[in-house]
Amino acid sequence: MRRTLIALGIGLGLLGSTVVSAPAQAASAVTDPLASTVPAAQQVAAFWLANGAANLKNATPYAVQTVVHGKRLSTAVVPDGKPGLIAPAQGPLSPKGKLPTTSGKVFFVGADGQPHWCTGTAMQSTYRNLVATASHCVYDTQRAGATLDKWVFVPGYSEGTTPWGLYVGKQAVTHYDFVAYADYDRDYAFVNVYNGVVSSSSDVLTDTGRLVDNVGGQGFTWNQTTASSVDVFGYPAGLNPDGTQPYTGQTLEWSYGKTFTALAPAIKGEELTGVDSPFTGEGSLGSSWLYRYSSNSRTGYLNGITISVSDTDGDNRYDTSVSPYFDSETYAVYSAAVNLWTGSIA
């Protein structure tokens, strides 16, 4: 697969950004096509929406790299620069309840040829078309150099419904170290999606508009202290080690916890962040960690992405979710994706 390396400098600004600090060092971002043409994107949408969205309903939670033997550390991660914030974009809908409308499921076909899903979240961006998730929910770690097939995002997914439409991924951006070295300290990806679509009874695709116009977009932050608190939103569905299954994966779940520095040598995770969370691994990959989350606006600042879970106290129940630490290089990768245009496929 042809891959483009983008050497990023410093100082990229965003409409609506606040307290923006430039990266302390350059980073390499990798951009890969998903459905790079409108006909290809239409075929992807048809795959998921045909037969009453049967493939969405039959998809199972992704079970690749869901559990690590994590270790809590008492030391803090040393930031590689000053902290920064990108302001969120509140959606046009009147907030009801406490859960964000930006969260949803990302669906794709895995190396086994079967439909699977992870969690994703809509992000603030120039063209209001960006989704954040774990990189190994976009790149196929079982097939070196490949992206996962037929990648889409469904915000607000609940029991087979697509309340704001289905958004086909056009291109993905991640850190070079993840695709080149399987470095899970860089297991995050940002995907630019086309406008949303719904399908009529005659299989005609209708445009539902841009993602962030419909559901809002979370802000972004980096180089924050690891001794903070975040709200975690995702679709956990797997079992605990003791066999209990506290979540179904059918509806969005929420947890709140303190963050801390974590280590997972088996996945080259040397600068990770952990959060106290009871989420199980399958389904929760890609869950958003939102710093300063407001239940009134249903927005906050993305400060982590679940890449795995761990049982750190040995009671056979997962108690920790793990994320890469978001530093200046994470911001540089986000910046590479934030100005990429997509458009409509309908």
C-alpha atoms as a PDB file:
ATOM      1  CA  MET A   1       0.000   0.000   0.000  1.00  0.00           C
ATOM      2  CA  ARG A   2       1.339   3.434  -0.886  1.00  0.00           C
ATOM      3  CA  ARG A   3       1.982   5.525   2.197  1.00  0.00           C
ATOM      4  CA  THR A   4       2.676   9.247   2.473  1.00  0.00           C
ATOM      5  CA  LEU A   5       4.883  10.657   5.221  1.00  0.00           C
ATOM      6  CA  ILE A   6       4.078  14.172   6.325  1.00  0.00           C
ATOM      7  CA  ALA A   7       6.866  15.978   8.152  1.00  0.00           C
ATOM      8  CA  LEU A   8       5.124  18.341  10.516  1.00  0.00           C
ATOM      9  CA  GLY A   9       6.526  21.557  11.829  1.00  0.00           C
ATOM     10  CA  ILE A  10       5.066  23.785  14.488  1.00  0.00           C
ATOM     11  CA  GLY A  11       2.427  26.418  14.956  1.00  0.00           C
ATOM     12  CA  LEU A  12      -0.650  25.054  13.105  1.00  0.00           C
ATOM     13  CA  GLY A  13      -3.733  26.922  14.290  1.00  0.00           C
ATOM     14  CA  LEU A  14      -7.437  26.038  14.183  1.00  0.00           C
ATOM     15  CA  LEU A  15     -10.641  28.007  13.964  1.00  0.00           C
ATOM     16  CA  GLY A  16     -12.012  28.149  17.482  1.00  0.00           C
ATOM     17  CA  SER A  17      -8.774  27.071  19.145  1.00  0.00           C
ATOM     18  CA  THR A  18      -7.722  28.366  22.542  1.00  0.00           C
ATOM     19  CA  VAL A  19      -4.441  28.310  24.435  1.00  0.00           C
ATOM     20  CA  VAL A  20      -2.687  26.619  21.522  1.00  0.00           C
ATOM     21  CA  SER A  21       0.953  25.718  22.110  1.00  0.00           C
ATOM     22  CA  ALA A  22       3.118  24.578  19.215  1.00  0.00           C
ATOM     23  CA  PRO A  23       4.720  21.124  19.355  1.00  0.00           C
ATOM     24  CA  ALA A  24       8.145  21.129  20.947  1.00  0.00           C
ATOM     25  CA  GLN A  25       9.455  18.846  18.229  1.00  0.00           C
ATOM     26  CA  ALA A  26       8.506  17.707  14.758  1.00  0.00           C
ATOM     27  CA  ALA A  27       6.706  14.393  14.343  1.00  0.00           C
ATOM     28  CA  SER A  28       6.083  12.030  11.455  1.00  0.00           C
ATOM     29  CA  ALA A  29       2.464  11.383  10.542  1.00  0.00           C
ATOM     30  CA  VAL A  30       1.355   8.662   8.154  1.00  0.00           C
ATOM     31  CA  THR A  31      -1.658   9.167   5.879  1.00  0.00           C
ATOM     32  CA  ASP A  32      -3.353   6.172   4.242  1.00  0.00           C
ATOM     33  CA  PRO A  33      -6.423   5.949   1.976  1.00  0.00           C
ATOM     34  CA  LEU A  34      -9.514   4.068   3.126  1.00  0.00           C
ATOM     35  CA  ALA A  35     -12.250   4.684   0.522  1.00  0.00           C
ATOM     36  CA  SER A  36     -10.465   7.307  -1.553  1.00  0.00           C
ATOM     37  CA  THR A  37     -13.065   7.715  -4.328  1.00  0.00           C
ATOM     38  CA  VAL A  38     -16.795   8.423  -4.264  1.00  0.00           C
ATOM     39  CA  PRO A  39     -17.740   5.135  -6.031  1.00  0.00           C
ATOM     40  CA  ALA A  40     -15.647   3.175  -3.535  1.00  0.00           C
ATOM     41  CA  ALA A  41     -17.266   5.018  -0.624  1.00  0.00           C
ATOM     42  CA  GLN A  42     -20.739   4.342  -2.033  1.00  0.00           C
ATOM     43  CA  GLN A  43     -19.972   0.629  -2.155  1.00  0.00           C
ATOM     44  CA  VAL A  44     -18.818   0.719   1.465  1.00  0.00           C
ATOM     45  CA  ALA A  45     -22.012   2.503   2.555  1.00  0.00           C
ATOM     46  CA  ALA A  46     -24.135  -0.004   0.656  1.00  0.00           C
ATOM     47  CA  PHE A  47     -22.339  -2.919   2.365  1.00  0.00           C
ATOM     48  CA  TRP A  48     -23.360  -1.657   5.797  1.00  0.00           C
ATOM     49  CA  LEU A  49     -26.815  -0.260   5.024  1.00  0.00           C
ATOM     50  CA  ALA A  50     -28.182  -3.018   2.767  1.00  0.00           C
ATOM     51  CA  ASN A  51     -30.811  -5.453   4.024  1.00  0.00           C
ATOM     52  CA  GLY A  52     -31.907  -3.265   6.878  1.00  0.00           C
ATOM     53  CA  ALA A  53     -28.309  -2.609   8.013  1.00  0.00           C
ATOM     54  CA  ALA A  54     -27.801  -6.334   8.609  1.00  0.00           C
ATOM     55  CA  ASN A  55     -23.995  -6.096   8.665  1.00  0.00           C
ATOM     56  CA  LEU A  56     -24.109  -3.368  11.319  1.00  0.00           C
ATOM     57  CA  LYS A  57     -26.415  -5.475  13.473  1.00  0.00           C
ATOM     58  CA  ASN A  58     -24.376  -8.661  12.997  1.00  0.00           C
ATOM     59  CA  ALA A  59     -20.973  -7.074  13.687  1.00  0.00           C
ATOM     60  CA  THR A  60     -19.106  -8.286  16.771  1.00  0.00           C
ATOM     61  CA  PRO A  61     -16.732  -6.357  19.057  1.00  0.00           C
ATOM     62  CA  TYR A  62     -13.132  -6.350  17.879  1.00  0.00           C
ATOM     63  CA  ALA A  63     -11.070  -8.759  19.977  1.00  0.00           C
ATOM     64  CA  VAL A  64      -7.517  -7.855  18.873  1.00  0.00           C
ATOM     65  CA  GLN A  65      -5.151  -6.607  21.606  1.00  0.00           C
ATOM     66  CA  THR A  66      -7.889  -5.969  24.158  1.00  0.00           C
ATOM     67  CA  VAL A  67      -6.013  -6.941  27.340  1.00  0.00           C
ATOM     68  CA  VAL A  68      -2.547  -6.060  28.656  1.00  0.00           C
ATOM     69  CA  HIS A  69      -0.715  -6.779  31.888  1.00  0.00           C
ATOM     70  CA  GLY A  70      -0.514  -3.159  32.920  1.00  0.00           C
ATOM     71  CA  LYS A  71       1.504  -1.776  35.793  1.00  0.00           C
ATOM     72  CA  ARG A  72       0.706   1.384  37.725  1.00  0.00           C
ATOM     73  CA  LEU A  73       3.619   3.753  38.262  1.00  0.00           C
ATOM     74  CA  SER A  74       4.018   6.388  40.943  1.00  0.00           C
ATOM     75  CA  THR A  75       6.119   8.636  38.706  1.00  0.00           C
ATOM     76  CA  ALA A  76       4.621  11.128  36.261  1.00  0.00           C
ATOM     77  CA  VAL A  77       5.160  11.278  32.518  1.00  0.00           C
ATOM     78  CA  VAL A  78       7.413  14.199  31.639  1.00  0.00           C
ATOM     79  CA  PRO A  79       5.685  16.358  28.960  1.00  0.00           C
ATOM     80  CA  ASP A  80       7.737  17.187  25.868  1.00  0.00           C
ATOM     81  CA  GLY A  81       6.443  20.749  25.761  1.00  0.00           C
ATOM     82  CA  LYS A  82       3.852  23.157  27.089  1.00  0.00           C
ATOM     83  CA  PRO A  83       0.227  21.978  27.505  1.00  0.00           C
ATOM     84  CA  GLY A  84      -2.322  23.086  24.931  1.00  0.00           C
ATOM     85  CA  LEU A  85      -6.047  23.044  24.248  1.00  0.00           C
ATOM     86  CA  ILE A  86      -8.203  23.055  21.107  1.00  0.00           C
ATOM     87  CA  ALA A  87     -11.760  24.147  21.893  1.00  0.00           C
ATOM     88  CA  PRO A  88     -14.657  21.728  21.202  1.00  0.00           C
ATOM     89  CA  ALA A  89     -17.561  22.459  18.850  1.00  0.00           C
ATOM     90  CA  GLN A  90     -20.972  22.063  20.426  1.00  0.00           C
ATOM     91  CA  GLY A  91     -23.574  20.401  18.228  1.00  0.00           C
ATOM     92  CA  PRO A  92     -26.851  22.114  17.244  1.00  0.00           C
ATOM     93  CA  LEU A  93     -28.997  19.695  19.252  1.00  0.00           C
ATOM     94  CA  SER A  94     -30.370  20.738  22.627  1.00  0.00           C
ATOM     95  CA  PRO A  95     -28.418  18.765  25.220  1.00  0.00           C
ATOM     96  CA  LYS A  96     -30.461  16.125  27.008  1.00  0.00           C
ATOM     97  CA  GLY A  97     -28.980  13.846  29.596  1.00  0.00           C
ATOM     98  CA  LYS A  98     -25.263  13.548  30.255  1.00  0.00           C
ATOM     99  CA  LEU A  99     -23.847  11.417  27.427  1.00  0.00           C
ATOM    100  CA  PRO A 100     -22.084  12.979  24.419  1.00  0.00           C
ATOM    101  CA  THR A 101     -23.691  12.794  20.983  1.00  0.00           C
ATOM    102  CA  THR A 102     -20.176  12.689  19.520  1.00  0.00           C
ATOM    103  CA  SER A 103     -19.552   9.073  20.570  1.00  0.00           C
ATOM    104  CA  GLY A 104     -20.405   6.131  18.366  1.00  0.00           C
ATOM    105  CA  LYS A 105     -19.135   2.912  16.864  1.00  0.00           C
ATOM    106  CA  VAL A 106     -16.564   2.476  14.122  1.00  0.00           C
ATOM    107  CA  PHE A 107     -17.313  -0.558  11.950  1.00  0.00           C
ATOM    108  CA  PHE A 108     -14.946  -2.427   9.634  1.00  0.00           C
ATOM    109  CA  VAL A 109     -14.160  -5.856   8.186  1.00  0.00           C
ATOM    110  CA  GLY A 110     -11.266  -7.562   9.946  1.00  0.00           C
ATOM    111  CA  ALA A 111      -8.572  -9.923   8.734  1.00  0.00           C
ATOM    112  CA  ASP A 112     -11.010 -12.786   9.349  1.00  0.00           C
ATOM    113  CA  GLY A 113     -13.396 -11.354   6.729  1.00  0.00           C
ATOM    114  CA  GLN A 114     -16.075 -10.659   9.356  1.00  0.00           C
ATOM    115  CA  PRO A 115     -17.653  -7.340  10.410  1.00  0.00           C
ATOM    116  CA  HIS A 116     -16.429  -5.910  13.728  1.00  0.00           C
ATOM    117  CA  TRP A 117     -16.629  -2.699  15.702  1.00  0.00           C
ATOM    118  CA  CYS A 118     -14.716  -0.461  18.108  1.00  0.00           C
ATOM    119  CA  THR A 119     -15.625   2.889  19.690  1.00  0.00           C
ATOM    120  CA  GLY A 120     -14.923   6.291  18.113  1.00  0.00           C
ATOM    121  CA  THR A 121     -15.669   9.954  18.716  1.00  0.00           C
ATOM    122  CA  ALA A 122     -16.273  13.011  16.508  1.00  0.00           C
ATOM    123  CA  MET A 123     -13.604  15.697  16.782  1.00  0.00           C
ATOM    124  CA  GLN A 124     -13.350  19.406  16.095  1.00  0.00           C
ATOM    125  CA  SER A 125     -11.662  20.055  12.728  1.00  0.00           C
ATOM    126  CA  THR A 126     -11.585  22.589   9.917  1.00  0.00           C
ATOM    127  CA  TYR A 127     -13.978  20.651   7.665  1.00  0.00           C
ATOM    128  CA  ARG A 128     -15.956  19.165  10.583  1.00  0.00           C
ATOM    129  CA  ASN A 129     -15.249  15.624   9.404  1.00  0.00           C
ATOM    130  CA  LEU A 130     -12.851  13.987  11.879  1.00  0.00           C
ATOM    131  CA  VAL A 131     -13.126  10.826  14.023  1.00  0.00           C
ATOM    132  CA  ALA A 132     -10.667   9.688  16.710  1.00  0.00           C
ATOM    133  CA  THR A 133     -10.141   6.053  17.690  1.00  0.00           C
ATOM    134  CA  ALA A 134      -7.385   3.559  18.477  1.00  0.00           C
ATOM    135  CA  SER A 135      -4.949   3.070  15.607  1.00  0.00           C
ATOM    136  CA  HIS A 136      -5.373  -0.713  15.716  1.00  0.00           C
ATOM    137  CA  CYS A 137      -9.090  -0.119  15.045  1.00  0.00           C
ATOM    138  CA  VAL A 138      -8.018   1.368  11.685  1.00  0.00           C
ATOM    139  CA  TYR A 139      -4.776  -0.444  10.831  1.00  0.00           C
ATOM    140  CA  ASP A 140      -4.798  -4.222  10.643  1.00  0.00           C
ATOM    141  CA  THR A 141      -2.043  -5.473  12.954  1.00  0.00           C
ATOM    142  CA  GLN A 142      -2.633  -9.000  11.657  1.00  0.00           C
ATOM    143  CA  ARG A 143      -1.705  -7.961   8.114  1.00  0.00           C
ATOM    144  CA  ALA A 144       1.371  -5.737   8.084  1.00  0.00           C
ATOM    145  CA  GLY A 145       0.918  -2.403   6.335  1.00  0.00           C
ATOM    146  CA  ALA A 146      -2.802  -2.821   5.670  1.00  0.00           C
ATOM    147  CA  THR A 147      -5.797  -0.812   6.777  1.00  0.00           C
ATOM    148  CA  LEU A 148      -9.017  -2.453   7.913  1.00  0.00           C
ATOM    149  CA  ASP A 149     -11.593  -2.796   5.147  1.00  0.00           C
ATOM    150  CA  LYS A 150     -14.923  -0.963   4.734  1.00  0.00           C
ATOM    151  CA  TRP A 151     -14.325   1.484   7.594  1.00  0.00           C
ATOM    152  CA  VAL A 152     -17.292   3.626   8.730  1.00  0.00           C
ATOM    153  CA  PHE A 153     -18.435   5.628  11.768  1.00  0.00           C
ATOM    154  CA  VAL A 154     -21.963   5.673  13.211  1.00  0.00           C
ATOM    155  CA  PRO A 155     -22.417   8.333  15.923  1.00  0.00           C
ATOM    156  CA  GLY A 156     -25.073   7.618  18.515  1.00  0.00           C
ATOM    157  CA  TYR A 157     -25.280   3.979  17.478  1.00  0.00           C
ATOM    158  CA  SER A 158     -27.821   2.059  19.528  1.00  0.00           C
ATOM    159  CA  GLU A 159     -29.216  -1.384  18.755  1.00  0.00           C
ATOM    160  CA  GLY A 160     -28.904  -1.183  14.983  1.00  0.00           C
ATOM    161  CA  THR A 161     -29.924   2.445  14.463  1.00  0.00           C
ATOM    162  CA  THR A 162     -28.029   5.214  12.641  1.00  0.00           C
ATOM    163  CA  PRO A 163     -29.659   8.337  14.142  1.00  0.00           C
ATOM    164  CA  TRP A 164     -27.359  10.833  12.377  1.00  0.00           C
ATOM    165  CA  GLY A 165     -26.374   8.692   9.418  1.00  0.00           C
ATOM    166  CA  LEU A 166     -23.369   6.588   8.466  1.00  0.00           C
ATOM    167  CA  TYR A 167     -20.002   8.226   7.691  1.00  0.00           C
ATOM    168  CA  VAL A 168     -17.547   6.422   5.391  1.00  0.00           C
ATOM    169  CA  GLY A 169     -13.846   6.906   6.118  1.00  0.00           C
ATOM    170  CA  LYS A 170     -11.831   8.511   3.317  1.00  0.00           C
ATOM    171  CA  GLN A 171      -8.321   8.608   4.813  1.00  0.00           C
ATOM    172  CA  ALA A 172      -6.602   7.782   8.096  1.00  0.00           C
ATOM    173  CA  VAL A 173      -3.734   9.538   9.849  1.00  0.00           C
ATOM    174  CA  THR A 174      -1.593   7.923  12.548  1.00  0.00           C
ATOM    175  CA  HIS A 175       1.937   8.093  13.922  1.00  0.00           C
ATOM    176  CA  TYR A 176       4.749   6.556  11.880  1.00  0.00           C
ATOM    177  CA  ASP A 177       6.015   4.622  14.892  1.00  0.00           C
ATOM    178  CA  PHE A 178       2.802   2.640  15.151  1.00  0.00           C
ATOM    179  CA  VAL A 179       2.767   1.346  11.579  1.00  0.00           C
ATOM    180  CA  ALA A 180       6.536   0.923  11.353  1.00  0.00           C
ATOM    181  CA  TYR A 181       7.366  -0.496  14.791  1.00  0.00           C
ATOM    182  CA  ALA A 182       4.005  -1.506  16.346  1.00  0.00           C
ATOM    183  CA  ASP A 183       4.696   1.036  19.087  1.00  0.00           C
ATOM    184  CA  TYR A 184       1.531   1.168  21.187  1.00  0.00           C
ATOM    185  CA  ASP A 185       2.689   4.409  22.797  1.00  0.00           C
ATOM    186  CA  ARG A 186       1.389   5.790  19.462  1.00  0.00           C
ATOM    187  CA  ASP A 187      -1.800   3.729  19.152  1.00  0.00           C
ATOM    188  CA  TYR A 188      -4.128   6.543  18.080  1.00  0.00           C
ATOM    189  CA  ALA A 189      -5.624   7.461  14.713  1.00  0.00           C
ATOM    190  CA  PHE A 190      -7.692  10.253  13.218  1.00  0.00           C
ATOM    191  CA  VAL A 191      -9.978   9.441  10.286  1.00  0.00           C
ATOM    192  CA  ASN A 192     -11.515  11.965   7.890  1.00  0.00           C
ATOM    193  CA  VAL A 193     -15.021  10.869   6.938  1.00  0.00           C
ATOM    194  CA  TYR A 194     -17.295  11.845   4.076  1.00  0.00           C
ATOM    195  CA  ASN A 195     -20.670  13.480   4.760  1.00  0.00           C
ATOM    196  CA  GLY A 196     -23.141  11.149   6.402  1.00  0.00           C
ATOM    197  CA  VAL A 197     -25.642   9.111   4.409  1.00  0.00           C
ATOM    198  CA  VAL A 198     -28.829   7.154   4.987  1.00  0.00           C
ATOM    199  CA  SER A 199     -30.368   4.656   2.574  1.00  0.00           C
ATOM    200  CA  SER A 200     -33.934   4.713   1.262  1.00  0.00           C
ATOM    201  CA  SER A 201     -36.071   1.667   0.553  1.00  0.00           C
ATOM    202  CA  SER A 202     -34.832   1.834  -3.040  1.00  0.00           C
ATOM    203  CA  ASP A 203     -31.180   1.811  -1.873  1.00  0.00           C
ATOM    204  CA  VAL A 204     -30.629   5.458  -2.842  1.00  0.00           C
ATOM    205  CA  LEU A 205     -28.132   7.248  -0.602  1.00  0.00           C
ATOM    206  CA  THR A 206     -29.258  10.566   0.888  1.00  0.00           C
ATOM    207  CA  ASP A 207     -26.777  13.082   2.286  1.00  0.00           C
ATOM    208  CA  THR A 208     -27.228  13.922   6.000  1.00  0.00           C
ATOM    209  CA  GLY A 209     -24.494  16.566   6.154  1.00  0.00           C
ATOM    210  CA  ARG A 210     -21.127  16.939   7.846  1.00  0.00           C
ATOM    211  CA  LEU A 211     -20.386  14.963  10.987  1.00  0.00           C
ATOM    212  CA  VAL A 212     -19.609  17.785  13.420  1.00  0.00           C
ATOM    213  CA  ASP A 213     -22.485  19.908  12.096  1.00  0.00           C
ATOM    214  CA  ASN A 214     -24.782  17.072  13.163  1.00  0.00           C
ATOM    215  CA  VAL A 215     -23.357  15.915  16.496  1.00  0.00           C
ATOM    216  CA  GLY A 216     -20.683  18.405  17.550  1.00  0.00           C
ATOM    217  CA  GLY A 217     -16.971  17.713  17.954  1.00  0.00           C
ATOM    218  CA  GLN A 218     -14.810  17.183  21.009  1.00  0.00           C
ATOM    219  CA  GLY A 219     -11.842  19.425  21.676  1.00  0.00           C
ATOM    220  CA  PHE A 220      -8.265  18.218  21.989  1.00  0.00           C
ATOM    221  CA  THR A 221      -5.585  18.623  24.637  1.00  0.00           C
ATOM    222  CA  TRP A 222      -2.004  17.452  25.095  1.00  0.00           C
ATOM    223  CA  ASN A 223       0.860  17.568  27.611  1.00  0.00           C
ATOM    224  CA  GLN A 224      -1.519  17.565  30.554  1.00  0.00           C
ATOM    225  CA  THR A 225      -0.589  16.167  33.951  1.00  0.00           C
ATOM    226  CA  THR A 226      -1.216  12.458  34.440  1.00  0.00           C
ATOM    227  CA  ALA A 227      -2.630  13.221  37.898  1.00  0.00           C
ATOM    228  CA  SER A 228      -6.059  14.385  36.703  1.00  0.00           C
ATOM    229  CA  SER A 229      -9.534  12.986  36.106  1.00  0.00           C
ATOM    230  CA  VAL A 230     -11.383  12.109  32.898  1.00  0.00           C
ATOM    231  CA  ASP A 231     -14.798  10.894  31.769  1.00  0.00           C
ATOM    232  CA  VAL A 232     -14.583   7.750  29.621  1.00  0.00           C
ATOM    233  CA  PHE A 233     -17.262   6.978  27.009  1.00  0.00           C
ATOM    234  CA  GLY A 234     -17.446   3.750  25.023  1.00  0.00           C
ATOM    235  CA  TYR A 235     -19.268   0.555  24.092  1.00  0.00           C
ATOM    236  CA  PRO A 236     -17.718  -2.193  26.272  1.00  0.00           C
ATOM    237  CA  ALA A 237     -19.047  -5.675  25.587  1.00  0.00           C
ATOM    238  CA  GLY A 238     -16.494  -8.298  26.617  1.00  0.00           C
ATOM    239  CA  LEU A 239     -16.198 -10.600  29.599  1.00  0.00           C
ATOM    240  CA  ASN A 240     -14.252 -10.064  32.786  1.00  0.00           C
ATOM    241  CA  PRO A 241     -11.661 -12.781  33.587  1.00  0.00           C
ATOM    242  CA  ASP A 242     -14.137 -14.242  36.113  1.00  0.00           C
ATOM    243  CA  GLY A 243     -16.709 -14.739  33.341  1.00  0.00           C
ATOM    244  CA  THR A 244     -19.081 -11.925  34.276  1.00  0.00           C
ATOM    245  CA  GLN A 245     -20.353  -9.682  31.490  1.00  0.00           C
ATOM    246  CA  PRO A 246     -21.453  -6.322  32.920  1.00  0.00           C
ATOM    247  CA  TYR A 247     -22.007  -4.634  29.531  1.00  0.00           C
ATOM    248  CA  THR A 248     -23.826  -5.570  26.318  1.00  0.00           C
ATOM    249  CA  GLY A 249     -22.079  -3.246  23.852  1.00  0.00           C
ATOM    250  CA  GLN A 250     -25.438  -2.113  22.503  1.00  0.00           C
ATOM    251  CA  THR A 251     -25.561   1.295  24.196  1.00  0.00           C
ATOM    252  CA  LEU A 252     -23.034   3.972  25.133  1.00  0.00           C
ATOM    253  CA  GLU A 253     -21.584   3.567  28.636  1.00  0.00           C
ATOM    254  CA  TRP A 254     -19.835   6.078  30.909  1.00  0.00           C
ATOM    255  CA  SER A 255     -17.226   5.883  33.654  1.00  0.00           C
ATOM    256  CA  TYR A 256     -15.231   8.484  35.559  1.00  0.00           C
ATOM    257  CA  GLY A 257     -11.833   8.023  37.125  1.00  0.00           C
ATOM    258  CA  LYS A 258      -8.425   9.301  38.135  1.00  0.00           C
ATOM    259  CA  THR A 259      -5.549   9.011  35.694  1.00  0.00           C
ATOM    260  CA  PHE A 260      -2.018   7.847  36.420  1.00  0.00           C
ATOM    261  CA  THR A 261       1.154   6.777  34.630  1.00  0.00           C
ATOM    262  CA  ALA A 262       1.137   3.171  33.390  1.00  0.00           C
ATOM    263  CA  LEU A 263       3.526   0.692  31.793  1.00  0.00           C
ATOM    264  CA  ALA A 264       2.866  -2.278  29.462  1.00  0.00           C
ATOM    265  CA  PRO A 265       6.175  -3.678  28.142  1.00  0.00           C
ATOM    266  CA  ALA A 266       4.533  -6.477  26.128  1.00  0.00           C
ATOM    267  CA  ILE A 267       3.152  -3.897  23.671  1.00  0.00           C
ATOM    268  CA  LYS A 268       6.138  -1.517  23.891  1.00  0.00           C
ATOM    269  CA  GLY A 269       4.013   0.739  26.073  1.00  0.00           C
ATOM    270  CA  GLU A 270       6.568   2.750  28.023  1.00  0.00           C
ATOM    271  CA  GLU A 271       4.708   6.081  28.286  1.00  0.00           C
ATOM    272  CA  LEU A 272       1.088   5.144  28.809  1.00  0.00           C
ATOM    273  CA  THR A 273      -1.687   6.623  30.878  1.00  0.00           C
ATOM    274  CA  GLY A 274      -4.120   4.562  32.913  1.00  0.00           C
ATOM    275  CA  VAL A 275      -7.540   5.483  34.292  1.00  0.00           C
ATOM    276  CA  ASP A 276      -9.657   3.770  36.920  1.00  0.00           C
ATOM    277  CA  SER A 277     -12.491   2.246  34.862  1.00  0.00           C
ATOM    278  CA  PRO A 278     -14.513  -0.993  35.001  1.00  0.00           C
ATOM    279  CA  PHE A 279     -14.869  -1.213  31.195  1.00  0.00           C
ATOM    280  CA  THR A 280     -14.079  -4.586  29.656  1.00  0.00           C
ATOM    281  CA  GLY A 281     -11.788  -4.666  26.629  1.00  0.00           C
ATOM    282  CA  GLU A 282     -13.847  -5.929  23.705  1.00  0.00           C
ATOM    283  CA  GLY A 283     -15.923  -3.065  22.335  1.00  0.00           C
ATOM    284  CA  SER A 284     -14.277  -0.351  24.415  1.00  0.00           C
ATOM    285  CA  LEU A 285     -11.186  -0.041  22.195  1.00  0.00           C
ATOM    286  CA  GLY A 286     -11.170   3.557  20.958  1.00  0.00           C
ATOM    287  CA  SER A 287     -13.236   4.914  23.863  1.00  0.00           C
ATOM    288  CA  SER A 288     -12.752   8.650  24.382  1.00  0.00           C
ATOM    289  CA  TRP A 289     -11.171  10.071  27.547  1.00  0.00           C
ATOM    290  CA  LEU A 290     -12.611  13.556  27.942  1.00  0.00           C
ATOM    291  CA  TYR A 291     -10.878  16.095  30.170  1.00  0.00           C
ATOM    292  CA  ARG A 292     -13.097  18.826  31.678  1.00  0.00           C
ATOM    293  CA  TYR A 293     -16.222  17.195  30.313  1.00  0.00           C
ATOM    294  CA  SER A 294     -19.437  19.253  30.707  1.00  0.00           C
ATOM    295  CA  SER A 295     -22.744  17.400  30.811  1.00  0.00           C
ATOM    296  CA  ASN A 296     -24.490  20.662  29.844  1.00  0.00           C
ATOM    297  CA  SER A 297     -22.697  21.094  26.522  1.00  0.00           C
ATOM    298  CA  ARG A 298     -21.758  17.387  26.299  1.00  0.00           C
ATOM    299  CA  THR A 299     -18.266  18.399  25.250  1.00  0.00           C
ATOM    300  CA  GLY A 300     -14.765  18.298  26.663  1.00  0.00           C
ATOM    301  CA  TYR A 301     -11.181  17.791  25.525  1.00  0.00           C
ATOM    302  CA  LEU A 302      -9.915  14.458  24.211  1.00  0.00           C
ATOM    303  CA  ASN A 303      -6.959  13.503  26.401  1.00  0.00           C
ATOM    304  CA  GLY A 304      -6.794   9.754  25.822  1.00  0.00           C
ATOM    305  CA  ILE A 305      -8.028   6.805  23.739  1.00  0.00           C
ATOM    306  CA  THR A 306      -8.566   3.341  25.194  1.00  0.00           C
ATOM    307  CA  ILE A 307      -6.201   0.867  23.513  1.00  0.00           C
ATOM    308  CA  SER A 308      -6.558  -1.963  26.038  1.00  0.00           C
ATOM    309  CA  VAL A 309      -7.706  -2.815  29.565  1.00  0.00           C
ATOM    310  CA  SER A 310      -6.045  -4.454  32.545  1.00  0.00           C
ATOM    311  CA  ASP A 311      -6.773  -6.149  35.851  1.00  0.00           C
ATOM    312  CA  THR A 312      -4.166  -4.512  38.051  1.00  0.00           C
ATOM    313  CA  ASP A 313      -5.307  -5.796  41.457  1.00  0.00           C
ATOM    314  CA  GLY A 314      -5.725  -9.481  40.564  1.00  0.00           C
ATOM    315  CA  ASP A 315      -9.423  -9.839  41.461  1.00  0.00           C
ATOM    316  CA  ASN A 316     -10.330 -11.176  37.966  1.00  0.00           C
ATOM    317  CA  ARG A 317     -12.226  -8.026  37.010  1.00  0.00           C
ATOM    318  CA  TYR A 318     -10.866  -5.274  34.814  1.00  0.00           C
ATOM    319  CA  ASP A 319     -10.239  -2.077  36.737  1.00  0.00           C
ATOM    320  CA  THR A 320      -8.052  -0.025  34.393  1.00  0.00           C
ATOM    321  CA  SER A 321      -8.244   1.310  30.849  1.00  0.00           C
ATOM    322  CA  VAL A 322      -4.969   2.206  29.128  1.00  0.00           C
ATOM    323  CA  SER A 323      -4.167   4.970  26.622  1.00  0.00           C
ATOM    324  CA  PRO A 324      -1.096   6.487  24.982  1.00  0.00           C
ATOM    325  CA  TYR A 325       0.005   9.675  26.706  1.00  0.00           C
ATOM    326  CA  PHE A 326      -1.044  12.626  24.532  1.00  0.00           C
ATOM    327  CA  ASP A 327       2.053  14.766  23.967  1.00  0.00           C
ATOM    328  CA  SER A 328       3.278  17.216  21.325  1.00  0.00           C
ATOM    329  CA  GLU A 329       3.710  14.413  18.795  1.00  0.00           C
ATOM    330  CA  THR A 330       0.065  13.405  19.287  1.00  0.00           C
ATOM    331  CA  TYR A 331      -0.912  17.005  18.634  1.00  0.00           C
ATOM    332  CA  ALA A 332       1.213  17.000  15.478  1.00  0.00           C
ATOM    333  CA  VAL A 333      -0.570  13.882  14.165  1.00  0.00           C
ATOM    334  CA  TYR A 334      -3.947  15.440  14.977  1.00  0.00           C
ATOM    335  CA  SER A 335      -2.810  18.599  13.160  1.00  0.00           C
ATOM    336  CA  ALA A 336      -1.990  16.553  10.052  1.00  0.00           C
ATOM    337  CA  ALA A 337      -5.589  15.339   9.887  1.00  0.00           C
ATOM    338  CA  VAL A 338      -7.437  18.454  10.913  1.00  0.00           C
ATOM    339  CA  ASN A 339      -7.299  20.279   7.557  1.00  0.00           C
ATOM    340  CA  LEU A 340      -8.062  17.383   5.170  1.00  0.00           C
ATOM    341  CA  TRP A 341     -11.234  17.801   3.124  1.00  0.00           C
ATOM    342  CA  THR A 342     -13.654  15.008   2.198  1.00  0.00           C
ATOM    343  CA  GLY A 343     -17.065  16.008   0.748  1.00  0.00           C
ATOM    344  CA  SER A 344     -20.265  14.168  -0.147  1.00  0.00           C
ATOM    345  CA  ILE A 345     -20.830  10.715  -1.664  1.00  0.00           C
ATOM    346  CA  ALA A 346     -24.596  11.006  -2.246  1.00  0.00           C
END
